[in-house]
Every structure is written in structure tokens, then in C-alpha cells.
Amino acid sequence: PGRGALLFHTSITPEEFGGAWPAGLPVQIHAMEADPFF
């Protein structure tokens, strides 16, 4: 349980951690549009 997630320069397919993203959990993801890793 938590109030939200902030992912900077990254995100991982939710299935890697056992399932879908929790629908009710707010999230922001930040990255550069041409970051080769992202």
C-alpha cells in the first residue's frame, strides 16, 4: 500500500513485478524524449 509513485528516467513492464499496475495508485513518470535507455 502507498499513496503514489514517482518514476524518474525509468519504468518497467508491470508484469515483471507480478501483475498489472494498481489502478487506484497515482503515478508520474519523467524522462527525456530521446534518452536511449528510455
PDB file of all heavy atoms in Angstrom:
ATOM      1  N   PRO A   1       0.821  -1.206   0.000  1.00  0.00           N
ATOM      2  CA  PRO A   1       0.000   0.000   0.000  1.00  0.00           C
ATOM      3  C   PRO A   1       0.862   1.267   0.000  1.00  0.00           C
ATOM      4  O   PRO A   1       1.928   1.306   0.610  1.00  0.00           O
ATOM      5  CB  PRO A   1      -0.801  -0.112   1.299  1.00  0.00           C
ATOM      6  CG  PRO A   1      -0.831  -1.572   1.607  1.00  0.00           C
ATOM      7  CD  PRO A   1       0.504  -2.095   1.121  1.00  0.00           C
ATOM      8  N   GLY A   2       0.381   2.277  -0.693  1.00  0.00           N
ATOM      9  CA  GLY A   2       1.071   3.560  -0.754  1.00  0.00           C
ATOM     10  C   GLY A   2       0.160   4.619  -1.352  1.00  0.00           C
ATOM     11  O   GLY A   2      -0.953   4.322  -1.785  1.00  0.00           O
ATOM     12  N   ARG A   3       0.658   5.844  -1.384  1.00  0.00           N
ATOM     13  CA  ARG A   3      -0.135   6.972  -1.888  1.00  0.00           C
ATOM     14  C   ARG A   3       0.194   7.362  -3.317  1.00  0.00           C
ATOM     15  O   ARG A   3      -0.472   8.187  -3.908  1.00  0.00           O
ATOM     16  CB  ARG A   3       0.073   8.190  -1.000  1.00  0.00           C
ATOM     17  CG  ARG A   3      -0.627   8.099   0.323  1.00  0.00           C
ATOM     18  CD  ARG A   3      -1.948   8.862   0.288  1.00  0.00           C
ATOM     19  NE  ARG A   3      -2.709   8.645   1.488  1.00  0.00           N
ATOM     20  CZ  ARG A   3      -2.679   9.423   2.556  1.00  0.00           C
ATOM     21  NH1 ARG A   3      -1.906  10.482   2.572  1.00  0.00           N
ATOM     22  NH2 ARG A   3      -3.417   9.140   3.601  1.00  0.00           N
ATOM     23  N   GLY A   4       1.284   6.809  -3.858  1.00  0.00           N
ATOM     24  CA  GLY A   4       1.636   7.170  -5.220  1.00  0.00           C
ATOM     25  C   GLY A   4       3.025   6.689  -5.569  1.00  0.00           C
ATOM     26  O   GLY A   4       3.750   6.143  -4.729  1.00  0.00           O
ATOM     27  N   ALA A   5       3.384   6.918  -6.836  1.00  0.00           N
ATOM     28  CA  ALA A   5       4.708   6.532  -7.315  1.00  0.00           C
ATOM     29  C   ALA A   5       5.243   7.606  -8.250  1.00  0.00           C
ATOM     30  O   ALA A   5       4.500   8.186  -9.042  1.00  0.00           O
ATOM     31  CB  ALA A   5       4.650   5.193  -8.042  1.00  0.00           C
ATOM     32  N   LEU A   6       6.539   7.848  -8.124  1.00  0.00           N
ATOM     33  CA  LEU A   6       7.266   8.781  -8.991  1.00  0.00           C
ATOM     34  C   LEU A   6       8.435   8.011  -9.593  1.00  0.00           C
ATOM     35  O   LEU A   6       9.319   7.551  -8.860  1.00  0.00           O
ATOM     36  CB  LEU A   6       7.784   9.970  -8.179  1.00  0.00           C
ATOM     37  CG  LEU A   6       6.732  10.909  -7.626  1.00  0.00           C
ATOM     38  CD1 LEU A   6       7.300  11.710  -6.450  1.00  0.00           C
ATOM     39  CD2 LEU A   6       6.246  11.835  -8.729  1.00  0.00           C
ATOM     40  N   LEU A   7       8.415   7.848 -10.904  1.00  0.00           N
ATOM     41  CA  LEU A   7       9.467   7.112 -11.590  1.00  0.00           C
ATOM     42  C   LEU A   7      10.220   8.079 -12.492  1.00  0.00           C
ATOM     43  O   LEU A   7       9.638   8.661 -13.406  1.00  0.00           O
ATOM     44  CB  LEU A   7       8.870   5.957 -12.394  1.00  0.00           C
ATOM     45  CG  LEU A   7       8.046   4.952 -11.584  1.00  0.00           C
ATOM     46  CD1 LEU A   7       7.391   3.922 -12.501  1.00  0.00           C
ATOM     47  CD2 LEU A   7       8.892   4.279 -10.519  1.00  0.00           C
ATOM     48  N   PHE A   8      11.504   8.234 -12.205  1.00  0.00           N
ATOM     49  CA  PHE A   8      12.346   9.171 -12.951  1.00  0.00           C
ATOM     50  C   PHE A   8      13.309   8.384 -13.841  1.00  0.00           C
ATOM     51  O   PHE A   8      14.081   7.565 -13.351  1.00  0.00           O
ATOM     52  CB  PHE A   8      13.145  10.060 -11.994  1.00  0.00           C
ATOM     53  CG  PHE A   8      12.294  10.799 -10.994  1.00  0.00           C
ATOM     54  CD1 PHE A   8      12.203  10.359  -9.686  1.00  0.00           C
ATOM     55  CD2 PHE A   8      11.577  11.920 -11.370  1.00  0.00           C
ATOM     56  CE1 PHE A   8      11.423  11.030  -8.757  1.00  0.00           C
ATOM     57  CE2 PHE A   8      10.790  12.603 -10.450  1.00  0.00           C
ATOM     58  CZ  PHE A   8      10.709  12.157  -9.142  1.00  0.00           C
ATOM     59  N   HIS A   9      13.232   8.614 -15.139  1.00  0.00           N
ATOM     60  CA  HIS A   9      14.137   8.011 -16.132  1.00  0.00           C
ATOM     61  C   HIS A   9      13.904   6.521 -16.318  1.00  0.00           C
ATOM     62  O   HIS A   9      14.760   5.837 -16.882  1.00  0.00           O
ATOM     63  CB  HIS A   9      15.617   8.231 -15.769  1.00  0.00           C
ATOM     64  CG  HIS A   9      15.927   9.516 -15.092  1.00  0.00           C
ATOM     65  ND1 HIS A   9      15.812  10.726 -15.731  1.00  0.00           N
ATOM     66  CD2 HIS A   9      16.326   9.792 -13.834  1.00  0.00           C
ATOM     67  CE1 HIS A   9      16.138  11.688 -14.884  1.00  0.00           C
ATOM     68  NE2 HIS A   9      16.452  11.150 -13.728  1.00  0.00           N
ATOM     69  N   THR A  10      12.794   6.001 -15.876  1.00  0.00           N
ATOM     70  CA  THR A  10      12.592   4.555 -15.932  1.00  0.00           C
ATOM     71  C   THR A  10      11.133   4.172 -15.806  1.00  0.00           C
ATOM     72  O   THR A  10      10.317   4.931 -15.276  1.00  0.00           O
ATOM     73  CB  THR A  10      13.368   3.857 -14.795  1.00  0.00           C
ATOM     74  OG1 THR A  10      13.366   2.452 -15.015  1.00  0.00           O
ATOM     75  CG2 THR A  10      12.797   4.166 -13.429  1.00  0.00           C
ATOM     76  N   SER A  11      10.827   3.017 -16.284  1.00  0.00           N
ATOM     77  CA  SER A  11       9.595   2.298 -15.967  1.00  0.00           C
ATOM     78  C   SER A  11       9.802   0.878 -16.462  1.00  0.00           C
ATOM     79  O   SER A  11      10.542   0.633 -17.403  1.00  0.00           O
ATOM     80  CB  SER A  11       8.361   2.934 -16.604  1.00  0.00           C
ATOM     81  OG  SER A  11       8.510   2.992 -17.998  1.00  0.00           O
ATOM     82  N   ILE A  12       9.169  -0.036 -15.801  1.00  0.00           N
ATOM     83  CA  ILE A  12       9.342  -1.450 -16.082  1.00  0.00           C
ATOM     84  C   ILE A  12       7.973  -2.037 -16.354  1.00  0.00           C
ATOM     85  O   ILE A  12       6.978  -1.629 -15.738  1.00  0.00           O
ATOM     86  CB  ILE A  12      10.017  -2.140 -14.876  1.00  0.00           C
ATOM     87  CG1 ILE A  12      11.391  -1.500 -14.639  1.00  0.00           C
ATOM     88  CG2 ILE A  12      10.146  -3.640 -15.083  1.00  0.00           C
ATOM     89  CD1 ILE A  12      11.901  -1.625 -13.237  1.00  0.00           C
ATOM     90  N   THR A  13       7.900  -2.961 -17.269  1.00  0.00           N
ATOM     91  CA  THR A  13       6.634  -3.617 -17.556  1.00  0.00           C
ATOM     92  C   THR A  13       6.052  -4.143 -16.245  1.00  0.00           C
ATOM     93  O   THR A  13       6.728  -4.882 -15.524  1.00  0.00           O
ATOM     94  CB  THR A  13       6.861  -4.784 -18.541  1.00  0.00           C
ATOM     95  OG1 THR A  13       7.501  -4.274 -19.698  1.00  0.00           O
ATOM     96  CG2 THR A  13       5.560  -5.444 -18.919  1.00  0.00           C
ATOM     97  N   PRO A  14       4.830  -3.747 -15.917  1.00  0.00           N
ATOM     98  CA  PRO A  14       4.251  -4.142 -14.628  1.00  0.00           C
ATOM     99  C   PRO A  14       4.255  -5.649 -14.381  1.00  0.00           C
ATOM    100  O   PRO A  14       4.389  -6.094 -13.240  1.00  0.00           O
ATOM    101  CB  PRO A  14       2.829  -3.589 -14.686  1.00  0.00           C
ATOM    102  CG  PRO A  14       2.908  -2.447 -15.629  1.00  0.00           C
ATOM    103  CD  PRO A  14       3.940  -2.847 -16.648  1.00  0.00           C
ATOM    104  N   GLU A  15       4.163  -6.425 -15.438  1.00  0.00           N
ATOM    105  CA  GLU A  15       4.145  -7.881 -15.285  1.00  0.00           C
ATOM    106  C   GLU A  15       5.451  -8.413 -14.682  1.00  0.00           C
ATOM    107  O   GLU A  15       5.473  -9.494 -14.091  1.00  0.00           O
ATOM    108  CB  GLU A  15       3.881  -8.550 -16.642  1.00  0.00           C
ATOM    109  CG  GLU A  15       2.471  -8.337 -17.166  1.00  0.00           C
ATOM    110  CD  GLU A  15       2.201  -6.918 -17.689  1.00  0.00           C
ATOM    111  OE1 GLU A  15       3.164  -6.211 -18.065  1.00  0.00           O
ATOM    112  OE2 GLU A  15       1.025  -6.512 -17.708  1.00  0.00           O
ATOM    113  N   GLU A  16       6.532  -7.655 -14.809  1.00  0.00           N
ATOM    114  CA  GLU A  16       7.810  -8.063 -14.199  1.00  0.00           C
ATOM    115  C   GLU A  16       7.689  -8.189 -12.677  1.00  0.00           C
ATOM    116  O   GLU A  16       8.451  -8.907 -12.054  1.00  0.00           O
ATOM    117  CB  GLU A  16       8.913  -7.052 -14.524  1.00  0.00           C
ATOM    118  CG  GLU A  16       9.359  -7.049 -15.960  1.00  0.00           C
ATOM    119  CD  GLU A  16      10.162  -8.286 -16.337  1.00  0.00           C
ATOM    120  OE1 GLU A  16      10.939  -8.781 -15.508  1.00  0.00           O
ATOM    121  OE2 GLU A  16       9.981  -8.747 -17.479  1.00  0.00           O
ATOM    122  N   PHE A  17       6.728  -7.452 -12.122  1.00  0.00           N
ATOM    123  CA  PHE A  17       6.541  -7.469 -10.673  1.00  0.00           C
ATOM    124  C   PHE A  17       5.229  -8.140 -10.283  1.00  0.00           C
ATOM    125  O   PHE A  17       4.632  -7.823  -9.266  1.00  0.00           O
ATOM    126  CB  PHE A  17       6.633  -6.061 -10.104  1.00  0.00           C
ATOM    127  CG  PHE A  17       7.983  -5.434 -10.315  1.00  0.00           C
ATOM    128  CD1 PHE A  17       8.100  -4.214 -10.954  1.00  0.00           C
ATOM    129  CD2 PHE A  17       9.143  -6.071  -9.899  1.00  0.00           C
ATOM    130  CE1 PHE A  17       9.346  -3.641 -11.155  1.00  0.00           C
ATOM    131  CE2 PHE A  17      10.391  -5.515 -10.102  1.00  0.00           C
ATOM    132  CZ  PHE A  17      10.495  -4.296 -10.730  1.00  0.00           C
ATOM    133  N   GLY A  18       4.770  -9.038 -11.133  1.00  0.00           N
ATOM    134  CA  GLY A  18       3.666  -9.896 -10.753  1.00  0.00           C
ATOM    135  C   GLY A  18       2.275  -9.493 -11.185  1.00  0.00           C
ATOM    136  O   GLY A  18       1.317 -10.109 -10.765  1.00  0.00           O
ATOM    137  N   GLY A  19       2.134  -8.473 -11.983  1.00  0.00           N
ATOM    138  CA  GLY A  19       0.787  -8.150 -12.425  1.00  0.00           C
ATOM    139  C   GLY A  19       0.642  -6.744 -12.930  1.00  0.00           C
ATOM    140  O   GLY A  19       1.622  -6.057 -13.204  1.00  0.00           O
ATOM    141  N   ALA A  20      -0.607  -6.323 -13.033  1.00  0.00           N
ATOM    142  CA  ALA A  20      -0.933  -5.017 -13.589  1.00  0.00           C
ATOM    143  C   ALA A  20      -0.638  -3.903 -12.580  1.00  0.00           C
ATOM    144  O   ALA A  20      -0.526  -4.137 -11.377  1.00  0.00           O
ATOM    145  CB  ALA A  20      -2.401  -4.979 -13.982  1.00  0.00           C
ATOM    146  N   TRP A  21      -0.530  -2.702 -13.094  1.00  0.00           N
ATOM    147  CA  TRP A  21      -0.388  -1.527 -12.238  1.00  0.00           C
ATOM    148  C   TRP A  21      -1.656  -1.368 -11.408  1.00  0.00           C
ATOM    149  O   TRP A  21      -2.767  -1.470 -11.942  1.00  0.00           O
ATOM    150  CB  TRP A  21      -0.155  -0.276 -13.090  1.00  0.00           C
ATOM    151  CG  TRP A  21       0.131   0.916 -12.231  1.00  0.00           C
ATOM    152  CD1 TRP A  21      -0.747   1.884 -11.855  1.00  0.00           C
ATOM    153  CD2 TRP A  21       1.384   1.243 -11.625  1.00  0.00           C
ATOM    154  NE1 TRP A  21      -0.128   2.800 -11.033  1.00  0.00           N
ATOM    155  CE2 TRP A  21       1.188   2.427 -10.875  1.00  0.00           C
ATOM    156  CE3 TRP A  21       2.643   0.651 -11.618  1.00  0.00           C
ATOM    157  CZ2 TRP A  21       2.205   3.027 -10.146  1.00  0.00           C
ATOM    158  CZ3 TRP A  21       3.653   1.258 -10.895  1.00  0.00           C
ATOM    159  CH2 TRP A  21       3.428   2.435 -10.174  1.00  0.00           C
ATOM    160  N   PRO A  22      -1.554  -1.091 -10.111  1.00  0.00           N
ATOM    161  CA  PRO A  22      -2.757  -0.870  -9.298  1.00  0.00           C
ATOM    162  C   PRO A  22      -3.525   0.361  -9.805  1.00  0.00           C
ATOM    163  O   PRO A  22      -3.004   1.475  -9.756  1.00  0.00           O
ATOM    164  CB  PRO A  22      -2.195  -0.631  -7.890  1.00  0.00           C
ATOM    165  CG  PRO A  22      -0.779  -1.114  -7.925  1.00  0.00           C
ATOM    166  CD  PRO A  22      -0.323  -0.990  -9.336  1.00  0.00           C
ATOM    167  N   ALA A  23      -4.712   0.149 -10.310  1.00  0.00           N
ATOM    168  CA  ALA A  23      -5.458   1.223 -10.980  1.00  0.00           C
ATOM    169  C   ALA A  23      -5.609   2.468 -10.112  1.00  0.00           C
ATOM    170  O   ALA A  23      -5.522   3.585 -10.614  1.00  0.00           O
ATOM    171  CB  ALA A  23      -6.834   0.709 -11.402  1.00  0.00           C
ATOM    172  N   GLY A  24      -5.824   2.306  -8.827  1.00  0.00           N
ATOM    173  CA  GLY A  24      -6.057   3.446  -7.958  1.00  0.00           C
ATOM    174  C   GLY A  24      -4.801   4.148  -7.471  1.00  0.00           C
ATOM    175  O   GLY A  24      -4.903   5.120  -6.717  1.00  0.00           O
ATOM    176  N   LEU A  25      -3.626   3.695  -7.894  1.00  0.00           N
ATOM    177  CA  LEU A  25      -2.380   4.291  -7.421  1.00  0.00           C
ATOM    178  C   LEU A  25      -1.892   5.346  -8.409  1.00  0.00           C
ATOM    179  O   LEU A  25      -1.512   5.026  -9.532  1.00  0.00           O
ATOM    180  CB  LEU A  25      -1.300   3.222  -7.240  1.00  0.00           C
ATOM    181  CG  LEU A  25      -0.017   3.729  -6.600  1.00  0.00           C
ATOM    182  CD1 LEU A  25      -0.249   4.033  -5.122  1.00  0.00           C
ATOM    183  CD2 LEU A  25       1.096   2.707  -6.766  1.00  0.00           C
ATOM    184  N   PRO A  26      -1.870   6.624  -8.007  1.00  0.00           N
ATOM    185  CA  PRO A  26      -1.406   7.680  -8.906  1.00  0.00           C
ATOM    186  C   PRO A  26       0.086   7.523  -9.213  1.00  0.00           C
ATOM    187  O   PRO A  26       0.864   7.083  -8.371  1.00  0.00           O
ATOM    188  CB  PRO A  26      -1.652   8.966  -8.115  1.00  0.00           C
ATOM    189  CG  PRO A  26      -2.544   8.599  -6.992  1.00  0.00           C
ATOM    190  CD  PRO A  26      -2.310   7.144  -6.719  1.00  0.00           C
ATOM    191  N   VAL A  27       0.465   7.914 -10.420  1.00  0.00           N
ATOM    192  CA  VAL A  27       1.858   7.785 -10.843  1.00  0.00           C
ATOM    193  C   VAL A  27       2.233   8.923 -11.787  1.00  0.00           C
ATOM    194  O   VAL A  27       1.416   9.383 -12.575  1.00  0.00           O
ATOM    195  CB  VAL A  27       2.106   6.417 -11.530  1.00  0.00           C
ATOM    196  CG1 VAL A  27       1.239   6.243 -12.773  1.00  0.00           C
ATOM    197  CG2 VAL A  27       3.572   6.213 -11.857  1.00  0.00           C
ATOM    198  N   GLN A  28       3.469   9.363 -11.647  1.00  0.00           N
ATOM    199  CA  GLN A  28       4.094  10.258 -12.617  1.00  0.00           C
ATOM    200  C   GLN A  28       5.372   9.586 -13.079  1.00  0.00           C
ATOM    201  O   GLN A  28       6.119   9.020 -12.268  1.00  0.00           O
ATOM    202  CB  GLN A  28       4.478  11.612 -11.999  1.00  0.00           C
ATOM    203  CG  GLN A  28       3.391  12.623 -11.916  1.00  0.00           C
ATOM    204  CD  GLN A  28       3.929  14.006 -11.509  1.00  0.00           C
ATOM    205  OE1 GLN A  28       5.101  14.180 -11.196  1.00  0.00           O
ATOM    206  NE2 GLN A  28       3.049  14.975 -11.508  1.00  0.00           N
ATOM    207  N   ILE A  29       5.629   9.676 -14.394  1.00  0.00           N
ATOM    208  CA  ILE A  29       6.859   9.148 -14.976  1.00  0.00           C
ATOM    209  C   ILE A  29       7.513  10.287 -15.750  1.00  0.00           C
ATOM    210  O   ILE A  29       6.847  10.962 -16.541  1.00  0.00           O
ATOM    211  CB  ILE A  29       6.577   7.947 -15.895  1.00  0.00           C
ATOM    212  CG1 ILE A  29       5.847   6.849 -15.107  1.00  0.00           C
ATOM    213  CG2 ILE A  29       7.882   7.412 -16.506  1.00  0.00           C
ATOM    214  CD1 ILE A  29       5.311   5.714 -15.963  1.00  0.00           C
ATOM    215  N   HIS A  30       8.810  10.498 -15.511  1.00  0.00           N
ATOM    216  CA  HIS A  30       9.557  11.605 -16.120  1.00  0.00           C
ATOM    217  C   HIS A  30      10.780  11.052 -16.847  1.00  0.00           C
ATOM    218  O   HIS A  30      11.550  10.284 -16.268  1.00  0.00           O
ATOM    219  CB  HIS A  30      10.045  12.582 -15.045  1.00  0.00           C
ATOM    220  CG  HIS A  30       8.953  13.188 -14.229  1.00  0.00           C
ATOM    221  ND1 HIS A  30       8.373  14.395 -14.542  1.00  0.00           N
ATOM    222  CD2 HIS A  30       8.329  12.748 -13.103  1.00  0.00           C
ATOM    223  CE1 HIS A  30       7.437  14.681 -13.649  1.00  0.00           C
ATOM    224  NE2 HIS A  30       7.395  13.694 -12.760  1.00  0.00           N
ATOM    225  N   ALA A  31      10.967  11.479 -18.110  1.00  0.00           N
ATOM    226  CA  ALA A  31      12.145  11.061 -18.878  1.00  0.00           C
ATOM    227  C   ALA A  31      12.361  12.034 -20.025  1.00  0.00           C
ATOM    228  O   ALA A  31      11.472  12.825 -20.370  1.00  0.00           O
ATOM    229  CB  ALA A  31      11.961   9.648 -19.418  1.00  0.00           C
ATOM    230  N   MET A  32      13.549  11.970 -20.626  1.00  0.00           N
ATOM    231  CA  MET A  32      13.807  12.760 -21.828  1.00  0.00           C
ATOM    232  C   MET A  32      13.342  11.972 -23.046  1.00  0.00           C
ATOM    233  O   MET A  32      13.493  10.745 -23.110  1.00  0.00           O
ATOM    234  CB  MET A  32      15.286  13.129 -21.945  1.00  0.00           C
ATOM    235  CG  MET A  32      15.652  14.282 -21.057  1.00  0.00           C
ATOM    236  SD  MET A  32      17.221  15.040 -21.521  1.00  0.00           S
ATOM    237  CE  MET A  32      17.015  16.643 -20.734  1.00  0.00           C
ATOM    238  N   GLU A  33      12.768  12.708 -24.001  1.00  0.00           N
ATOM    239  CA  GLU A  33      12.135  12.069 -25.148  1.00  0.00           C
ATOM    240  C   GLU A  33      13.099  11.275 -26.022  1.00  0.00           C
ATOM    241  O   GLU A  33      12.678  10.325 -26.693  1.00  0.00           O
ATOM    242  CB  GLU A  33      11.405  13.115 -25.994  1.00  0.00           C
ATOM    243  CG  GLU A  33      12.306  14.186 -26.573  1.00  0.00           C
ATOM    244  CD  GLU A  33      11.539  15.335 -27.193  1.00  0.00           C
ATOM    245  OE1 GLU A  33      10.294  15.338 -27.139  1.00  0.00           O
ATOM    246  OE2 GLU A  33      12.192  16.242 -27.730  1.00  0.00           O
ATOM    247  N   ALA A  34      14.381  11.609 -26.020  1.00  0.00           N
ATOM    248  CA  ALA A  34      15.352  10.881 -26.840  1.00  0.00           C
ATOM    249  C   ALA A  34      16.401  10.164 -25.997  1.00  0.00           C
ATOM    250  O   ALA A  34      17.464   9.799 -26.509  1.00  0.00           O
ATOM    251  CB  ALA A  34      16.014  11.838 -27.832  1.00  0.00           C
ATOM    252  N   ASP A  35      16.115   9.929 -24.730  1.00  0.00           N
ATOM    253  CA  ASP A  35      17.010   9.152 -23.870  1.00  0.00           C
ATOM    254  C   ASP A  35      17.071   7.737 -24.435  1.00  0.00           C
ATOM    255  O   ASP A  35      16.067   7.039 -24.481  1.00  0.00           O
ATOM    256  CB  ASP A  35      16.449   9.149 -22.444  1.00  0.00           C
ATOM    257  CG  ASP A  35      17.150   8.179 -21.503  1.00  0.00           C
ATOM    258  OD1 ASP A  35      18.127   7.523 -21.913  1.00  0.00           O
ATOM    259  OD2 ASP A  35      16.702   8.078 -20.346  1.00  0.00           O
ATOM    260  N   PRO A  36      18.253   7.294 -24.876  1.00  0.00           N
ATOM    261  CA  PRO A  36      18.322   5.972 -25.497  1.00  0.00           C
ATOM    262  C   PRO A  36      17.928   4.833 -24.552  1.00  0.00           C
ATOM    263  O   PRO A  36      17.415   3.813 -24.992  1.00  0.00           O
ATOM    264  CB  PRO A  36      19.782   5.841 -25.940  1.00  0.00           C
ATOM    265  CG  PRO A  36      20.530   6.890 -25.208  1.00  0.00           C
ATOM    266  CD  PRO A  36      19.552   7.968 -24.866  1.00  0.00           C
ATOM    267  N   PHE A  37      18.127   4.989 -23.257  1.00  0.00           N
ATOM    268  CA  PHE A  37      17.738   3.949 -22.300  1.00  0.00           C
ATOM    269  C   PHE A  37      16.229   3.888 -22.122  1.00  0.00           C
ATOM    270  O   PHE A  37      15.681   2.853 -21.775  1.00  0.00           O
ATOM    271  CB  PHE A  37      18.378   4.202 -20.923  1.00  0.00           C
ATOM    272  CG  PHE A  37      19.867   4.116 -20.934  1.00  0.00           C
ATOM    273  CD1 PHE A  37      20.625   5.264 -20.892  1.00  0.00           C
ATOM    274  CD2 PHE A  37      20.509   2.891 -20.987  1.00  0.00           C
ATOM    275  CE1 PHE A  37      22.006   5.212 -20.895  1.00  0.00           C
ATOM    276  CE2 PHE A  37      21.892   2.818 -21.002  1.00  0.00           C
ATOM    277  CZ  PHE A  37      22.642   3.979 -20.961  1.00  0.00           C
ATOM    278  N   PHE A  38      15.570   5.010 -22.341  1.00  0.00           N
ATOM    279  CA  PHE A  38      14.136   5.091 -22.085  1.00  0.00           C
ATOM    280  C   PHE A  38      13.307   4.990 -23.359  1.00  0.00           C
ATOM    281  O   PHE A  38      12.314   4.273 -23.396  1.00  0.00           O
ATOM    282  CB  PHE A  38      13.807   6.402 -21.362  1.00  0.00           C
ATOM    283  CG  PHE A  38      12.387   6.489 -20.890  1.00  0.00           C
ATOM    284  CD1 PHE A  38      12.029   5.942 -19.672  1.00  0.00           C
ATOM    285  CD2 PHE A  38      11.412   7.096 -21.662  1.00  0.00           C
ATOM    286  CE1 PHE A  38      10.717   5.993 -19.231  1.00  0.00           C
ATOM    287  CE2 PHE A  38      10.096   7.160 -21.237  1.00  0.00           C
ATOM    288  CZ  PHE A  38       9.749   6.604 -20.011  1.00  0.00           C
TER     289      PHE A  38
END
